[in-house]
C-alpha atoms as a PDB file:
ATOM      1  CA  PHE A   1     -10.590  13.161  13.281  1.00  0.00           C
ATOM      2  CA  VAL A   2     -12.663  12.651  10.156  1.00  0.00           C
ATOM      3  CA  GLU A   3     -16.340  12.396  11.022  1.00  0.00           C
ATOM      4  CA  ASN A   4     -17.555  10.940   7.739  1.00  0.00           C
ATOM      5  CA  THR A   5     -16.318   8.215   5.432  1.00  0.00           C
ATOM      6  CA  TYR A   6     -13.257   8.730   3.260  1.00  0.00           C
ATOM      7  CA  ASP A   7     -15.469   8.964   0.144  1.00  0.00           C
ATOM      8  CA  GLU A   8     -17.751  11.585   1.731  1.00  0.00           C
ATOM      9  CA  VAL A   9     -14.829  13.797   2.739  1.00  0.00           C
ATOM     10  CA  LEU A  10     -13.295  13.661  -0.743  1.00  0.00           C
ATOM     11  CA  ALA A  11     -16.647  14.274  -2.463  1.00  0.00           C
ATOM     12  CA  LYS A  12     -16.949  17.625  -0.645  1.00  0.00           C
ATOM     13  CA  HIS A  13     -13.777  18.843  -2.351  1.00  0.00           C
ATOM     14  CA  MET A  14     -13.670  17.168  -5.767  1.00  0.00           C
ATOM     15  CA  GLU A  15     -15.461  14.946  -8.231  1.00  0.00           C
ATOM     16  CA  ILE A  16     -14.805  11.330  -7.246  1.00  0.00           C
ATOM     17  CA  ASN A  17     -17.257   9.462  -9.481  1.00  0.00           C
ATOM     18  CA  ILE A  18     -15.252   9.418 -12.709  1.00  0.00           C
ATOM     19  CA  PRO A  19     -15.487   5.917 -14.220  1.00  0.00           C
ATOM     20  CA  GLY A  20     -12.282   4.386 -15.526  1.00  0.00           C
ATOM     21  CA  GLU A  21     -10.535   1.243 -16.634  1.00  0.00           C
ATOM     22  CA  VAL A  22      -9.546  -1.760 -14.565  1.00  0.00           C
ATOM     23  CA  VAL A  23      -6.322  -3.237 -15.963  1.00  0.00           C
ATOM     24  CA  ASP A  24      -4.313  -6.353 -15.173  1.00  0.00           C
ATOM     25  CA  THR A  25      -0.588  -6.341 -14.433  1.00  0.00           C
ATOM     26  CA  GLU A  26       0.163  -6.585 -18.168  1.00  0.00           C
ATOM     27  CA  GLY A  27      -1.861  -3.427 -18.882  1.00  0.00           C
ATOM     28  CA  ASN A  28      -4.792  -5.233 -20.523  1.00  0.00           C
ATOM     29  CA  VAL A  29      -8.188  -3.658 -19.888  1.00  0.00           C
ATOM     30  CA  VAL A  30     -10.241  -6.250 -17.979  1.00  0.00           C
ATOM     31  CA  GLY A  31     -13.119  -4.184 -16.624  1.00  0.00           C
ATOM     32  CA  THR A  32     -14.387  -0.881 -15.259  1.00  0.00           C
ATOM     33  CA  HIS A  33     -14.514   1.007 -11.971  1.00  0.00           C
ATOM     34  CA  LYS A  34     -16.587   3.906 -10.626  1.00  0.00           C
ATOM     35  CA  GLY A  35     -13.686   6.290  -9.875  1.00  0.00           C
ATOM     36  CA  TYR A  36     -10.170   5.530  -8.610  1.00  0.00           C
ATOM     37  CA  MET A  37     -10.692   7.526  -5.415  1.00  0.00           C
ATOM     38  CA  HIS A  38     -13.074   4.840  -4.157  1.00  0.00           C
ATOM     39  CA  TYR A  39     -10.255   2.286  -3.911  1.00  0.00           C
ATOM     40  CA  THR A  40      -7.254   1.439  -1.769  1.00  0.00           C
ATOM     41  CA  VAL A  41      -4.557  -1.168  -2.328  1.00  0.00           C
ATOM     42  CA  GLY A  42      -5.906  -4.523  -1.179  1.00  0.00           C
ATOM     43  CA  LYS A  43      -9.590  -3.743  -1.784  1.00  0.00           C
ATOM     44  CA  ARG A  44     -11.464  -6.495  -3.590  1.00  0.00           C
ATOM     45  CA  ARG A  45     -14.963  -5.132  -4.124  1.00  0.00           C
ATOM     46  CA  GLY A  46     -16.605  -2.377  -6.127  1.00  0.00           C
ATOM     47  CA  PHE A  47     -15.071  -2.982  -9.558  1.00  0.00           C
ATOM     48  CA  VAL A  48     -15.768  -5.305 -12.484  1.00  0.00           C
ATOM     49  CA  VAL A  49     -13.260  -7.848 -13.819  1.00  0.00           C
ATOM     50  CA  ASN A  50     -14.676  -9.494 -16.947  1.00  0.00           C
ATOM     51  CA  GLY A  51     -14.396 -13.291 -17.032  1.00  0.00           C
ATOM     52  CA  ALA A  52     -12.640 -13.633 -13.669  1.00  0.00           C
ATOM     53  CA  HIS A  53     -13.276 -16.786 -11.660  1.00  0.00           C
ATOM     54  CA  ASP A  54     -10.971 -15.960  -8.736  1.00  0.00           C
ATOM     55  CA  PRO A  55     -11.275 -12.895  -6.500  1.00  0.00           C
ATOM     56  CA  HIS A  56      -9.227  -9.916  -7.677  1.00  0.00           C
ATOM     57  CA  PHE A  57      -7.694  -7.216  -5.505  1.00  0.00           C
ATOM     58  CA  VAL A  58      -6.446  -3.690  -6.174  1.00  0.00           C
ATOM     59  CA  LEU A  59      -2.658  -3.892  -6.596  1.00  0.00           C
ATOM     60  CA  ASP A  60      -1.990  -0.297  -7.647  1.00  0.00           C
ATOM     61  CA  ILE A  61      -3.844   2.940  -8.338  1.00  0.00           C
ATOM     62  CA  LYS A  62      -2.871   5.160 -11.282  1.00  0.00           C
ATOM     63  CA  PRO A  63      -4.576   8.537 -10.781  1.00  0.00           C
ATOM     64  CA  GLU A  64      -2.878  10.083 -13.820  1.00  0.00           C
ATOM     65  CA  THR A  65      -4.707   7.638 -16.132  1.00  0.00           C
ATOM     66  CA  ASN A  66      -7.745   6.977 -13.880  1.00  0.00           C
ATOM     67  CA  GLN A  67      -6.915   3.270 -13.813  1.00  0.00           C
ATOM     68  CA  ILE A  68      -6.747   0.675 -11.090  1.00  0.00           C
ATOM     69  CA  VAL A  69      -4.463  -2.340 -11.503  1.00  0.00           C
ATOM     70  CA  VAL A  70      -5.860  -5.631 -10.219  1.00  0.00           C
ATOM     71  CA  GLY A  71      -4.641  -9.175  -9.700  1.00  0.00           C
ATOM     72  CA  THR A  72      -4.952 -12.199  -7.475  1.00  0.00           C
ATOM     73  CA  LYS A  73      -4.180 -12.068  -3.748  1.00  0.00           C
ATOM     74  CA  GLU A  74      -0.769 -13.646  -4.318  1.00  0.00           C
ATOM     75  CA  LYS A  75       0.262 -10.568  -6.327  1.00  0.00           C
ATOM     76  CA  LEU A  76      -0.332  -8.400  -3.234  1.00  0.00           C
ATOM     77  CA  GLU A  77       2.464 -10.248  -1.455  1.00  0.00           C
ATOM     78  CA  GLU A  78       5.626  -8.169  -0.858  1.00  0.00           C
ATOM     79  CA  SER A  79       8.942  -9.301   0.622  1.00  0.00           C
ATOM     80  CA  GLU A  80      10.786  -5.990   0.420  1.00  0.00           C
ATOM     81  CA  PHE A  81      10.063  -2.300  -0.021  1.00  0.00           C
ATOM     82  CA  GLU A  82      11.601   1.156   0.313  1.00  0.00           C
ATOM     83  CA  VAL A  83      10.950   3.920   2.812  1.00  0.00           C
ATOM     84  CA  LYS A  84      11.602   7.668   2.502  1.00  0.00           C
ATOM     85  CA  GLN A  85      11.355  10.564   4.980  1.00  0.00           C
ATOM     86  CA  ILE A  86      12.935   8.366   7.630  1.00  0.00           C
ATOM     87  CA  ASN A  87      12.846   9.485  11.244  1.00  0.00           C
ATOM     88  CA  LEU A  88      14.820   7.358  13.715  1.00  0.00           C
ATOM     89  CA  PHE A  89      15.317   7.844  17.427  1.00  0.00           C
ATOM     90  CA  LYS A  90      18.704   6.100  17.209  1.00  0.00           C
ATOM     91  CA  ASP A  91      21.722   6.750  14.996  1.00  0.00           C
ATOM     92  CA  LEU A  92      21.504   3.634  12.804  1.00  0.00           C
ATOM     93  CA  THR A  93      22.303   2.885   9.164  1.00  0.00           C
ATOM     94  CA  GLU A  94      21.811  -0.892   9.149  1.00  0.00           C
ATOM     95  CA  PHE A  95      19.809  -2.884  11.673  1.00  0.00           C
ATOM     96  CA  ASP A  96      17.400  -5.729  12.354  1.00  0.00           C
ATOM     97  CA  CYS A  97      14.051  -4.940  13.942  1.00  0.00           C
ATOM     98  CA  MET A  98      10.307  -5.514  13.682  1.00  0.00           C
ATOM     99  CA  VAL A  99       8.190  -3.489  11.257  1.00  0.00           C
ATOM    100  CA  LYS A 100       4.458  -2.775  11.093  1.00  0.00           C
ATOM    101  CA  VAL A 101       3.042  -1.615   7.771  1.00  0.00           C
ATOM    102  CA  ARG A 102      -0.665  -1.528   8.639  1.00  0.00           C
ATOM    103  CA  TYR A 103      -2.690  -0.694  11.709  1.00  0.00           C
ATOM    104  CA  ARG A 104      -3.846  -3.801  13.602  1.00  0.00           C
ATOM    105  CA  THR A 105      -1.341  -6.099  11.920  1.00  0.00           C
ATOM    106  CA  THR A 106       1.388  -8.146  13.502  1.00  0.00           C
ATOM    107  CA  ALA A 107       4.912  -6.749  13.339  1.00  0.00           C
ATOM    108  CA  VAL A 108       7.226  -8.684  11.008  1.00  0.00           C
ATOM    109  CA  PRO A 109      10.981  -9.226  11.484  1.00  0.00           C
ATOM    110  CA  CYS A 110      13.058  -7.324   8.938  1.00  0.00           C
ATOM    111  CA  HIS A 111      16.509  -6.072   7.981  1.00  0.00           C
ATOM    112  CA  VAL A 112      16.853  -2.341   7.219  1.00  0.00           C
ATOM    113  CA  VAL A 113      19.641  -0.611   5.293  1.00  0.00           C
ATOM    114  CA  ILE A 114      19.593   3.203   5.066  1.00  0.00           C
ATOM    115  CA  ASN A 115      21.428   4.875   2.199  1.00  0.00           C
ATOM    116  CA  HIS A 116      21.120   8.514   1.044  1.00  0.00           C
ATOM    117  CA  GLY A 117      17.950   9.176   3.035  1.00  0.00           C
ATOM    118  CA  ARG A 118      16.082   6.081   1.858  1.00  0.00           C
ATOM    119  CA  ALA A 119      15.795   2.701   3.511  1.00  0.00           C
ATOM    120  CA  LYS A 120      15.543  -0.706   1.919  1.00  0.00           C
ATOM    121  CA  VAL A 121      13.467  -3.006   4.116  1.00  0.00           C
ATOM    122  CA  VAL A 122      13.782  -6.770   3.572  1.00  0.00           C
ATOM    123  CA  LEU A 123      11.112  -8.810   5.347  1.00  0.00           C
ATOM    124  CA  GLU A 124      11.642 -12.273   6.826  1.00  0.00           C
ATOM    125  CA  GLU A 125       8.092 -13.147   5.812  1.00  0.00           C
ATOM    126  CA  PRO A 126       5.954 -11.459   3.157  1.00  0.00           C
ATOM    127  CA  VAL A 127       3.088  -9.078   3.894  1.00  0.00           C
ATOM    128  CA  PHE A 128      -0.062  -8.433   1.865  1.00  0.00           C
ATOM    129  CA  GLY A 129      -1.392  -5.105   0.654  1.00  0.00           C
ATOM    130  CA  LEU A 130       1.615  -2.855   1.128  1.00  0.00           C
ATOM    131  CA  ALA A 131       0.481   0.660   0.173  1.00  0.00           C
ATOM    132  CA  LYS A 132       2.676   3.522  -1.010  1.00  0.00           C
ATOM    133  CA  GLY A 133       2.256   6.612   1.141  1.00  0.00           C
ATOM    134  CA  GLN A 134       1.506   4.633   4.288  1.00  0.00           C
ATOM    135  CA  ILE A 135       3.810   4.541   7.302  1.00  0.00           C
ATOM    136  CA  ALA A 136       6.292   1.784   8.128  1.00  0.00           C
ATOM    137  CA  ALA A 137       6.935   1.782  11.886  1.00  0.00           C
ATOM    138  CA  PHE A 138      10.138   0.174  13.207  1.00  0.00           C
ATOM    139  CA  TYR A 139      10.237  -1.460  16.650  1.00  0.00           C
ATOM    140  CA  GLU A 140      12.803  -3.042  18.956  1.00  0.00           C
ATOM    141  CA  GLU A 141      10.689  -5.364  21.082  1.00  0.00           C
ATOM    142  CA  ASP A 142       7.782  -3.100  22.117  1.00  0.00           C
ATOM    143  CA  LYS A 143       9.633   0.221  21.703  1.00  0.00           C
ATOM    144  CA  LEU A 144       9.159   2.400  18.639  1.00  0.00           C
ATOM    145  CA  ILE A 145      12.567   3.322  17.212  1.00  0.00           C
ATOM    146  CA  GLY A 146      11.391   5.202  14.122  1.00  0.00           C
ATOM    147  CA  GLY A 147       9.547   5.070  10.866  1.00  0.00           C
ATOM    148  CA  GLY A 148       9.095   6.477   7.410  1.00  0.00           C
ATOM    149  CA  VAL A 149       6.822   6.692   4.392  1.00  0.00           C
ATOM    150  CA  ILE A 150       6.514   3.615   2.171  1.00  0.00           C
ATOM    151  CA  CYS A 151       7.491   4.500  -1.398  1.00  0.00           C
END
């Protein structure tokens, strides 16, 4: 287990305080941040959005350009996503189940279709703050039937 904060662990191995641009979903520069490694999708503090009256949240992180993309909470809402590196404990290619996309969240009913090693997951109700690279865990009732990496 990591004994320190995420930022402290990263700072031991690389420079994390490289200021960059905060952009909106259209690509317009709307502010600044203290280094993209300080942020996760869904975070709403620690960056400046010039002229904003409503709270803004991190929607995406672009390490290659040192930018974070921000928008209102509604823009964090996702109704479908894809999963790679799928590992199932049953031989299934299309199924209905429950999916959890964040620790300590409620599982959401979904429909899953697997094709060429990737799964399309369609949710019955949207979730907020879906993050690429995180795990989607599939359940039948209270039994884990598999999972994969959100992409």
